[in-house]
Amino acid sequence: QVQLVESGGGLVQAGGSLKLSCAASGTIFGIGTMSWYRQVPGKQRELVAIIDADSGTDYTDSVKGRFTITRDNTKNTGYLQMNRLKPEDTGVYYCYDQVQTTISGRMYHYWGQGTQVTVSS
């Protein structure tokens, strides 16, 4: 079993910063891609940022230049540094990791429980 636990969400004023963390625990032989998604009421969950096993990154256009995704493989943890936050960044942020749970190398995807980010204007 694998669990992803997010932390770091909260309430911040526009222009401020937050750093989200996603710690994976359980039977883990390795982690491939790590992603962050955002969901607001009435809308589909959208991909915000992704980092692959080689630390290659990509971002949705609305956060480019403001958000940075990183990872610490020694801690099985991913991070999302969010700067110059805007009210439209408000939502529940979920991490989504591709985890190797067997020695044979098969990968499975797991979601975190979500953390609320609220940006006030």
C-alpha atoms as a PDB file:
ATOM      1  CA  GLN A   1       0.000   0.000   0.000  1.00  0.00           C
ATOM      2  CA  VAL A   2       1.135   3.487  -0.825  1.00  0.00           C
ATOM      3  CA  GLN A   3      -0.075   6.718   0.728  1.00  0.00           C
ATOM      4  CA  LEU A   4       0.506  10.240  -0.502  1.00  0.00           C
ATOM      5  CA  VAL A   5       0.181  12.926   2.149  1.00  0.00           C
ATOM      6  CA  GLU A   6       0.051  16.575   1.114  1.00  0.00           C
ATOM      7  CA  SER A   7       0.760  19.561   3.289  1.00  0.00           C
ATOM      8  CA  GLY A   8       1.412  23.268   2.971  1.00  0.00           C
ATOM      9  CA  GLY A   9      -1.926  24.599   1.819  1.00  0.00           C
ATOM     10  CA  GLY A  10      -3.626  27.566   3.428  1.00  0.00           C
ATOM     11  CA  LEU A  11      -4.936  31.079   3.022  1.00  0.00           C
ATOM     12  CA  VAL A  12      -2.679  33.705   1.497  1.00  0.00           C
ATOM     13  CA  GLN A  13      -3.097  37.156   0.040  1.00  0.00           C
ATOM     14  CA  ALA A  14      -2.623  37.769  -3.662  1.00  0.00           C
ATOM     15  CA  GLY A  15       1.058  38.158  -4.436  1.00  0.00           C
ATOM     16  CA  GLY A  16       2.068  35.829  -1.640  1.00  0.00           C
ATOM     17  CA  SER A  17       3.698  32.406  -1.700  1.00  0.00           C
ATOM     18  CA  LEU A  18       3.023  28.880  -0.522  1.00  0.00           C
ATOM     19  CA  LYS A  19       4.990  25.664  -0.796  1.00  0.00           C
ATOM     20  CA  LEU A  20       3.125  22.386  -1.060  1.00  0.00           C
ATOM     21  CA  SER A  21       4.668  19.046  -0.171  1.00  0.00           C
ATOM     22  CA  CYS A  22       3.606  15.520  -1.126  1.00  0.00           C
ATOM     23  CA  ALA A  23       5.236  12.729   0.850  1.00  0.00           C
ATOM     24  CA  ALA A  24       4.850   9.157  -0.361  1.00  0.00           C
ATOM     25  CA  SER A  25       5.075   6.264   2.071  1.00  0.00           C
ATOM     26  CA  GLY A  26       4.598   2.498   1.970  1.00  0.00           C
ATOM     27  CA  THR A  27       6.179  -0.155  -0.198  1.00  0.00           C
ATOM     28  CA  ILE A  28       8.090   1.948  -2.707  1.00  0.00           C
ATOM     29  CA  PHE A  29      10.851   0.814  -5.030  1.00  0.00           C
ATOM     30  CA  GLY A  30      10.888   4.037  -6.989  1.00  0.00           C
ATOM     31  CA  ILE A  31       8.757   6.929  -8.191  1.00  0.00           C
ATOM     32  CA  GLY A  32       8.369   7.951 -11.810  1.00  0.00           C
ATOM     33  CA  THR A  33       6.420  11.077 -12.635  1.00  0.00           C
ATOM     34  CA  MET A  34       5.108  13.341  -9.892  1.00  0.00           C
ATOM     35  CA  SER A  35       2.290  15.707 -10.709  1.00  0.00           C
ATOM     36  CA  TRP A  36       0.159  18.388  -9.122  1.00  0.00           C
ATOM     37  CA  TYR A  37      -3.469  18.909 -10.112  1.00  0.00           C
ATOM     38  CA  ARG A  38      -5.904  21.622  -9.111  1.00  0.00           C
ATOM     39  CA  GLN A  39      -9.676  21.394  -8.794  1.00  0.00           C
ATOM     40  CA  VAL A  40     -12.280  24.077  -8.231  1.00  0.00           C
ATOM     41  CA  PRO A  41     -15.992  23.443  -7.623  1.00  0.00           C
ATOM     42  CA  GLY A  42     -17.876  22.690 -10.805  1.00  0.00           C
ATOM     43  CA  LYS A  43     -14.773  22.132 -12.908  1.00  0.00           C
ATOM     44  CA  GLN A  44     -12.646  19.180 -13.859  1.00  0.00           C
ATOM     45  CA  ARG A  45      -9.375  18.541 -12.129  1.00  0.00           C
ATOM     46  CA  GLU A  46      -6.617  20.156 -14.198  1.00  0.00           C
ATOM     47  CA  LEU A  47      -2.933  19.379 -14.442  1.00  0.00           C
ATOM     48  CA  VAL A  48      -0.840  22.216 -13.034  1.00  0.00           C
ATOM     49  CA  ALA A  49       2.717  20.857 -13.089  1.00  0.00           C
ATOM     50  CA  ILE A  50       4.581  17.627 -13.720  1.00  0.00           C
ATOM     51  CA  ILE A  51       8.125  16.416 -13.111  1.00  0.00           C
ATOM     52  CA  ASP A  52       9.523  13.205 -14.558  1.00  0.00           C
ATOM     53  CA  ALA A  53      12.077  10.805 -13.126  1.00  0.00           C
ATOM     54  CA  ASP A  54      14.899  12.810 -14.729  1.00  0.00           C
ATOM     55  CA  SER A  55      13.543  16.050 -13.257  1.00  0.00           C
ATOM     56  CA  GLY A  56      12.236  17.309 -16.558  1.00  0.00           C
ATOM     57  CA  THR A  57       9.313  19.637 -15.869  1.00  0.00           C
ATOM     58  CA  ASP A  58       6.269  21.082 -17.554  1.00  0.00           C
ATOM     59  CA  TYR A  59       3.571  23.514 -16.453  1.00  0.00           C
ATOM     60  CA  THR A  60       0.189  24.697 -17.493  1.00  0.00           C
ATOM     61  CA  ASP A  61       0.470  28.106 -19.150  1.00  0.00           C
ATOM     62  CA  SER A  62      -1.272  30.011 -16.367  1.00  0.00           C
ATOM     63  CA  VAL A  63       1.422  29.158 -13.804  1.00  0.00           C
ATOM     64  CA  LYS A  64       4.573  29.304 -15.920  1.00  0.00           C
ATOM     65  CA  GLY A  65       7.132  31.612 -14.362  1.00  0.00           C
ATOM     66  CA  ARG A  66       5.346  31.581 -10.996  1.00  0.00           C
ATOM     67  CA  PHE A  67       5.266  27.926  -9.895  1.00  0.00           C
ATOM     68  CA  THR A  68       8.178  25.522  -9.585  1.00  0.00           C
ATOM     69  CA  ILE A  69       7.876  21.768  -9.194  1.00  0.00           C
ATOM     70  CA  THR A  70      10.759  19.844  -7.630  1.00  0.00           C
ATOM     71  CA  ARG A  71      11.398  16.465  -6.081  1.00  0.00           C
ATOM     72  CA  ASP A  72      13.603  14.850  -3.449  1.00  0.00           C
ATOM     73  CA  ASN A  73      13.996  11.195  -4.341  1.00  0.00           C
ATOM     74  CA  THR A  74      15.761  10.431  -1.048  1.00  0.00           C
ATOM     75  CA  LYS A  75      12.569  11.410   0.776  1.00  0.00           C
ATOM     76  CA  ASN A  76      10.029  10.206  -1.822  1.00  0.00           C
ATOM     77  CA  THR A  77       8.642  13.726  -1.698  1.00  0.00           C
ATOM     78  CA  GLY A  78       7.527  16.192  -4.314  1.00  0.00           C
ATOM     79  CA  TYR A  79       7.115  19.922  -3.894  1.00  0.00           C
ATOM     80  CA  LEU A  80       5.244  22.759  -5.563  1.00  0.00           C
ATOM     81  CA  GLN A  81       6.584  26.224  -4.842  1.00  0.00           C
ATOM     82  CA  MET A  82       3.900  28.761  -5.702  1.00  0.00           C
ATOM     83  CA  ASN A  83       4.908  32.416  -5.965  1.00  0.00           C
ATOM     84  CA  ARG A  84       3.029  35.567  -6.956  1.00  0.00           C
ATOM     85  CA  LEU A  85      -0.223  33.791  -6.217  1.00  0.00           C
ATOM     86  CA  LYS A  86      -3.435  35.034  -7.796  1.00  0.00           C
ATOM     87  CA  PRO A  87      -7.071  34.561  -6.707  1.00  0.00           C
ATOM     88  CA  GLU A  88      -7.586  32.284  -9.725  1.00  0.00           C
ATOM     89  CA  ASP A  89      -5.008  29.878  -8.253  1.00  0.00           C
ATOM     90  CA  THR A  90      -7.545  29.049  -5.542  1.00  0.00           C
ATOM     91  CA  GLY A  91      -8.567  25.407  -5.389  1.00  0.00           C
ATOM     92  CA  VAL A  92      -7.836  22.025  -3.915  1.00  0.00           C
ATOM     93  CA  TYR A  93      -4.401  20.810  -4.960  1.00  0.00           C
ATOM     94  CA  TYR A  94      -3.785  17.091  -5.364  1.00  0.00           C
ATOM     95  CA  CYS A  95      -0.544  15.264  -5.948  1.00  0.00           C
ATOM     96  CA  TYR A  96      -0.535  12.295  -8.299  1.00  0.00           C
ATOM     97  CA  ASP A  97       2.477  10.012  -8.383  1.00  0.00           C
ATOM     98  CA  GLN A  98       3.529   7.073 -10.516  1.00  0.00           C
ATOM     99  CA  VAL A  99       4.964   4.586  -8.025  1.00  0.00           C
ATOM    100  CA  GLN A 100       6.878   1.370  -8.480  1.00  0.00           C
ATOM    101  CA  THR A 101       5.487  -0.938  -5.807  1.00  0.00           C
ATOM    102  CA  THR A 102       7.046  -4.250  -6.811  1.00  0.00           C
ATOM    103  CA  ILE A 103      10.586  -5.391  -7.516  1.00  0.00           C
ATOM    104  CA  SER A 104       9.461  -6.348 -11.028  1.00  0.00           C
ATOM    105  CA  GLY A 105       9.041  -2.694 -11.898  1.00  0.00           C
ATOM    106  CA  ARG A 106       5.284  -2.431 -12.410  1.00  0.00           C
ATOM    107  CA  MET A 107       4.065   1.119 -11.801  1.00  0.00           C
ATOM    108  CA  TYR A 108       0.775   2.282 -10.301  1.00  0.00           C
ATOM    109  CA  HIS A 109      -0.701   5.744  -9.913  1.00  0.00           C
ATOM    110  CA  TYR A 110      -1.822   7.170  -6.594  1.00  0.00           C
ATOM    111  CA  TRP A 111      -3.628  10.348  -5.544  1.00  0.00           C
ATOM    112  CA  GLY A 112      -3.107  12.382  -2.429  1.00  0.00           C
ATOM    113  CA  GLN A 113      -6.036  13.520  -0.304  1.00  0.00           C
ATOM    114  CA  GLY A 114      -5.822  17.138  -1.438  1.00  0.00           C
ATOM    115  CA  THR A 115      -4.896  20.375   0.275  1.00  0.00           C
ATOM    116  CA  GLN A 116      -6.862  23.610   0.045  1.00  0.00           C
ATOM    117  CA  VAL A 117      -5.198  26.722  -1.310  1.00  0.00           C
ATOM    118  CA  THR A 118      -7.140  29.973  -1.021  1.00  0.00           C
ATOM    119  CA  VAL A 119      -5.807  33.217  -2.433  1.00  0.00           C
ATOM    120  CA  SER A 120      -7.618  36.358  -1.349  1.00  0.00           C
ATOM    121  CA  SER A 121      -7.678  39.508  -3.452  1.00  0.00           C
END
